[in-house]
Amino acid sequence: MLTPHEQRVWDGIVGCHRAAERREELPAVVIGGGWGAVLLLLFGVPMAALAVAAATALVWVLWRFAPQLADTGDGDQPVPEPERRSRTAG
């Protein structure tokens, strides 16, 4: 039987492992956006390349970090205070 702290640590490990399994492949929009930005830059349209690259970066950031934000549903819960041991003189 695990203590509550050990159970939270174990759940965190399992959650990270599951999230890593979901993130094995990049979405097609990220790959296509990256290549699109490179091609636009090569064809001499740097402002459009910058816009496509920025949108692609935003999609990648959301794809990369949104599962982690969704897994932290206990953000409104108060953090328990650690137990304090009283020191006795003697």
N, C-alpha and C. Protein backbone atom coordinates (compact mmCIF):
# COMPACT_ATOMS: atom_id res chain seq x y z
N MET A 1 0.84 -1.17 0.00
CA MET A 1 0.00 0.00 0.00
C MET A 1 0.89 1.24 0.00
N LEU A 2 0.56 2.18 -0.84
CA LEU A 2 1.34 3.40 -0.94
C LEU A 2 0.76 4.48 -0.05
N THR A 3 1.66 5.31 0.46
CA THR A 3 1.18 6.47 1.22
C THR A 3 0.56 7.46 0.23
N PRO A 4 -0.22 8.42 0.72
CA PRO A 4 -0.83 9.39 -0.21
C PRO A 4 0.21 10.15 -1.04
N HIS A 5 1.34 10.49 -0.43
CA HIS A 5 2.39 11.20 -1.18
C HIS A 5 2.97 10.29 -2.26
N GLU A 6 3.26 9.05 -1.91
CA GLU A 6 3.80 8.11 -2.90
C GLU A 6 2.80 7.86 -4.02
N GLN A 7 1.51 7.81 -3.69
CA GLN A 7 0.49 7.61 -4.71
C GLN A 7 0.44 8.79 -5.68
N ARG A 8 0.57 10.03 -5.16
CA ARG A 8 0.59 11.20 -6.04
C ARG A 8 1.80 11.16 -6.96
N VAL A 9 2.96 10.77 -6.41
CA VAL A 9 4.17 10.69 -7.23
C VAL A 9 3.99 9.63 -8.31
N TRP A 10 3.44 8.48 -7.93
CA TRP A 10 3.23 7.40 -8.90
C TRP A 10 2.25 7.83 -9.98
N ASP A 11 1.16 8.51 -9.59
CA ASP A 11 0.20 8.99 -10.58
C ASP A 11 0.85 9.99 -11.54
N GLY A 12 1.76 10.81 -11.03
CA GLY A 12 2.48 11.74 -11.90
C GLY A 12 3.37 11.03 -12.89
N ILE A 13 4.02 9.97 -12.45
CA ILE A 13 4.88 9.19 -13.35
C ILE A 13 4.04 8.53 -14.43
N VAL A 14 2.94 7.92 -14.04
CA VAL A 14 2.08 7.24 -15.01
C VAL A 14 1.48 8.26 -15.97
N GLY A 15 1.08 9.42 -15.47
CA GLY A 15 0.51 10.45 -16.33
C GLY A 15 1.50 10.96 -17.36
N CYS A 16 2.75 11.14 -16.95
CA CYS A 16 3.78 11.59 -17.89
C CYS A 16 4.05 10.53 -18.95
N HIS A 17 4.01 9.27 -18.54
CA HIS A 17 4.24 8.19 -19.49
C HIS A 17 3.11 8.12 -20.52
N ARG A 18 1.87 8.28 -20.06
CA ARG A 18 0.74 8.27 -20.99
C ARG A 18 0.80 9.45 -21.93
N ALA A 19 1.18 10.62 -21.41
CA ALA A 19 1.27 11.81 -22.26
C ALA A 19 2.36 11.63 -23.32
N ALA A 20 3.46 10.98 -22.95
CA ALA A 20 4.54 10.74 -23.91
C ALA A 20 4.08 9.79 -25.01
N GLU A 21 3.25 8.83 -24.67
CA GLU A 21 2.74 7.91 -25.69
C GLU A 21 1.84 8.63 -26.68
N ARG A 22 1.07 9.61 -26.20
CA ARG A 22 0.17 10.35 -27.09
C ARG A 22 0.94 11.27 -28.01
N ARG A 23 2.15 11.68 -27.64
CA ARG A 23 2.90 12.67 -28.40
C ARG A 23 3.96 12.05 -29.28
N GLU A 24 3.76 10.87 -29.77
CA GLU A 24 4.80 10.23 -30.57
C GLU A 24 4.96 10.88 -31.94
N GLU A 25 3.87 11.33 -32.54
CA GLU A 25 3.94 11.88 -33.88
C GLU A 25 3.48 13.33 -33.89
N LEU A 26 4.18 14.15 -34.68
CA LEU A 26 3.77 15.54 -34.86
C LEU A 26 2.50 15.58 -35.70
N PRO A 27 1.60 16.51 -35.41
CA PRO A 27 0.43 16.65 -36.27
C PRO A 27 0.84 17.12 -37.67
N ALA A 28 0.05 16.75 -38.63
CA ALA A 28 0.36 17.10 -40.02
C ALA A 28 0.40 18.61 -40.22
N VAL A 29 -0.43 19.35 -39.47
CA VAL A 29 -0.45 20.81 -39.64
C VAL A 29 0.88 21.43 -39.21
N VAL A 30 1.55 20.85 -38.24
CA VAL A 30 2.85 21.38 -37.81
C VAL A 30 3.91 21.11 -38.87
N ILE A 31 3.91 19.92 -39.40
CA ILE A 31 4.89 19.58 -40.45
C ILE A 31 4.62 20.40 -41.71
N GLY A 32 3.36 20.47 -42.12
CA GLY A 32 3.01 21.26 -43.31
C GLY A 32 3.28 22.74 -43.13
N GLY A 33 2.98 23.25 -41.95
CA GLY A 33 3.24 24.67 -41.69
C GLY A 33 4.71 24.99 -41.70
N GLY A 34 5.52 24.09 -41.16
CA GLY A 34 6.97 24.31 -41.19
C GLY A 34 7.51 24.34 -42.60
N TRP A 35 7.10 23.36 -43.40
CA TRP A 35 7.56 23.34 -44.79
C TRP A 35 7.00 24.54 -45.57
N GLY A 36 5.77 24.90 -45.28
CA GLY A 36 5.18 26.06 -45.95
C GLY A 36 5.94 27.34 -45.65
N ALA A 37 6.34 27.50 -44.39
CA ALA A 37 7.11 28.69 -44.02
C ALA A 37 8.46 28.71 -44.72
N VAL A 38 9.10 27.56 -44.79
CA VAL A 38 10.41 27.49 -45.48
C VAL A 38 10.25 27.81 -46.96
N LEU A 39 9.25 27.25 -47.60
CA LEU A 39 9.05 27.51 -49.03
C LEU A 39 8.69 28.98 -49.29
N LEU A 40 7.85 29.55 -48.43
CA LEU A 40 7.53 30.96 -48.61
C LEU A 40 8.77 31.83 -48.46
N LEU A 41 9.62 31.47 -47.52
CA LEU A 41 10.86 32.23 -47.34
C LEU A 41 11.78 32.08 -48.56
N LEU A 42 11.86 30.87 -49.09
CA LEU A 42 12.70 30.65 -50.28
C LEU A 42 12.17 31.37 -51.51
N PHE A 43 10.85 31.52 -51.61
CA PHE A 43 10.27 32.20 -52.77
C PHE A 43 10.19 33.71 -52.58
N GLY A 44 10.73 34.22 -51.48
CA GLY A 44 10.85 35.66 -51.31
C GLY A 44 9.64 36.35 -50.70
N VAL A 45 8.89 35.65 -49.88
CA VAL A 45 7.74 36.26 -49.21
C VAL A 45 7.97 36.13 -47.70
N PRO A 46 8.90 36.94 -47.15
CA PRO A 46 9.28 36.74 -45.75
C PRO A 46 8.19 37.05 -44.74
N MET A 47 7.33 38.03 -45.02
CA MET A 47 6.29 38.36 -44.05
C MET A 47 5.25 37.24 -43.96
N ALA A 48 4.90 36.65 -45.08
CA ALA A 48 3.97 35.53 -45.06
C ALA A 48 4.62 34.32 -44.39
N ALA A 49 5.91 34.12 -44.65
CA ALA A 49 6.64 33.02 -44.02
C ALA A 49 6.66 33.19 -42.50
N LEU A 50 6.85 34.43 -42.06
CA LEU A 50 6.85 34.71 -40.63
C LEU A 50 5.47 34.43 -40.02
N ALA A 51 4.41 34.81 -40.71
CA ALA A 51 3.05 34.58 -40.21
C ALA A 51 2.75 33.09 -40.13
N VAL A 52 3.11 32.35 -41.15
CA VAL A 52 2.87 30.91 -41.15
C VAL A 52 3.72 30.24 -40.07
N ALA A 53 4.95 30.67 -39.93
CA ALA A 53 5.82 30.08 -38.90
C ALA A 53 5.28 30.38 -37.50
N ALA A 54 4.77 31.58 -37.27
CA ALA A 54 4.22 31.92 -35.96
C ALA A 54 2.97 31.09 -35.66
N ALA A 55 2.10 30.94 -36.65
CA ALA A 55 0.91 30.12 -36.45
C ALA A 55 1.29 28.67 -36.21
N THR A 56 2.27 28.17 -36.93
CA THR A 56 2.73 26.80 -36.74
C THR A 56 3.33 26.61 -35.35
N ALA A 57 4.10 27.59 -34.91
CA ALA A 57 4.69 27.51 -33.57
C ALA A 57 3.60 27.51 -32.50
N LEU A 58 2.56 28.30 -32.68
CA LEU A 58 1.46 28.32 -31.73
C LEU A 58 0.75 26.97 -31.68
N VAL A 59 0.51 26.37 -32.82
CA VAL A 59 -0.13 25.05 -32.86
C VAL A 59 0.76 24.02 -32.19
N TRP A 60 2.06 24.09 -32.44
CA TRP A 60 2.97 23.13 -31.82
C TRP A 60 2.99 23.28 -30.31
N VAL A 61 3.02 24.53 -29.82
CA VAL A 61 3.03 24.75 -28.37
C VAL A 61 1.75 24.22 -27.74
N LEU A 62 0.61 24.48 -28.37
CA LEU A 62 -0.65 23.96 -27.84
C LEU A 62 -0.67 22.43 -27.86
N TRP A 63 -0.18 21.84 -28.94
CA TRP A 63 -0.15 20.39 -29.06
C TRP A 63 0.79 19.78 -28.02
N ARG A 64 1.88 20.47 -27.75
CA ARG A 64 2.88 19.94 -26.82
C ARG A 64 2.47 20.07 -25.36
N PHE A 65 1.87 21.20 -24.98
CA PHE A 65 1.63 21.47 -23.57
C PHE A 65 0.17 21.39 -23.14
N ALA A 66 -0.79 21.33 -24.04
CA ALA A 66 -2.21 21.26 -23.65
C ALA A 66 -2.54 19.99 -22.87
N PRO A 67 -1.99 18.81 -23.21
CA PRO A 67 -2.30 17.63 -22.38
C PRO A 67 -1.82 17.79 -20.94
N GLN A 68 -0.71 18.45 -20.73
CA GLN A 68 -0.22 18.66 -19.37
C GLN A 68 -1.13 19.60 -18.60
N LEU A 69 -1.65 20.62 -19.27
CA LEU A 69 -2.55 21.55 -18.60
C LEU A 69 -3.88 20.88 -18.29
N ALA A 70 -4.33 19.99 -19.16
CA ALA A 70 -5.60 19.30 -18.92
C ALA A 70 -5.48 18.30 -17.77
N ASP A 71 -4.29 17.75 -17.56
CA ASP A 71 -4.10 16.76 -16.50
C ASP A 71 -4.02 17.38 -15.12
N THR A 72 -3.82 18.68 -15.02
CA THR A 72 -3.70 19.33 -13.72
C THR A 72 -5.03 19.96 -13.35
N GLY A 73 -6.01 19.14 -13.09
CA GLY A 73 -7.34 19.63 -12.76
C GLY A 73 -7.51 20.04 -11.32
N ASP A 74 -6.51 19.80 -10.48
CA ASP A 74 -6.65 20.11 -9.07
C ASP A 74 -6.02 21.46 -8.72
N GLY A 75 -5.99 22.38 -9.64
CA GLY A 75 -5.35 23.66 -9.40
C GLY A 75 -6.09 24.52 -8.38
N ASP A 76 -7.39 24.30 -8.21
CA ASP A 76 -8.17 25.10 -7.27
C ASP A 76 -8.15 24.52 -5.86
N GLN A 77 -7.60 23.35 -5.70
CA GLN A 77 -7.59 22.70 -4.39
C GLN A 77 -6.48 23.29 -3.53
N PRO A 78 -6.75 23.49 -2.25
CA PRO A 78 -5.69 24.01 -1.37
C PRO A 78 -4.60 22.97 -1.15
N VAL A 79 -3.40 23.46 -1.01
CA VAL A 79 -2.26 22.58 -0.77
C VAL A 79 -2.21 22.26 0.72
N PRO A 80 -2.15 20.98 1.07
CA PRO A 80 -2.09 20.65 2.49
C PRO A 80 -0.76 21.09 3.10
N GLU A 81 -0.84 21.58 4.31
CA GLU A 81 0.37 22.00 5.00
C GLU A 81 1.10 20.79 5.54
N PRO A 82 2.43 20.82 5.53
CA PRO A 82 3.18 19.67 6.08
C PRO A 82 3.00 19.60 7.58
N GLU A 83 3.11 18.40 8.09
CA GLU A 83 2.98 18.23 9.53
C GLU A 83 4.19 18.85 10.22
N ARG A 84 3.92 19.53 11.30
CA ARG A 84 4.99 20.19 12.04
C ARG A 84 5.22 19.44 13.35
N ARG A 85 6.44 19.19 13.60
CA ARG A 85 6.81 18.53 14.85
C ARG A 85 7.18 19.59 15.87
N SER A 86 6.68 19.43 17.04
CA SER A 86 7.01 20.41 18.08
C SER A 86 8.33 20.02 18.73
N ARG A 87 9.16 21.00 18.89
CA ARG A 87 10.44 20.75 19.54
C ARG A 87 10.27 20.98 21.04
N THR A 88 10.70 20.02 21.77
CA THR A 88 10.64 20.16 23.23
C THR A 88 12.04 20.37 23.77
N ALA A 89 12.14 21.29 24.65
CA ALA A 89 13.44 21.55 25.26
C ALA A 89 13.75 20.44 26.26
N GLY A 90 14.93 19.94 26.16
CA GLY A 90 15.18 18.96 27.17
C GLY A 90 16.19 18.04 26.82
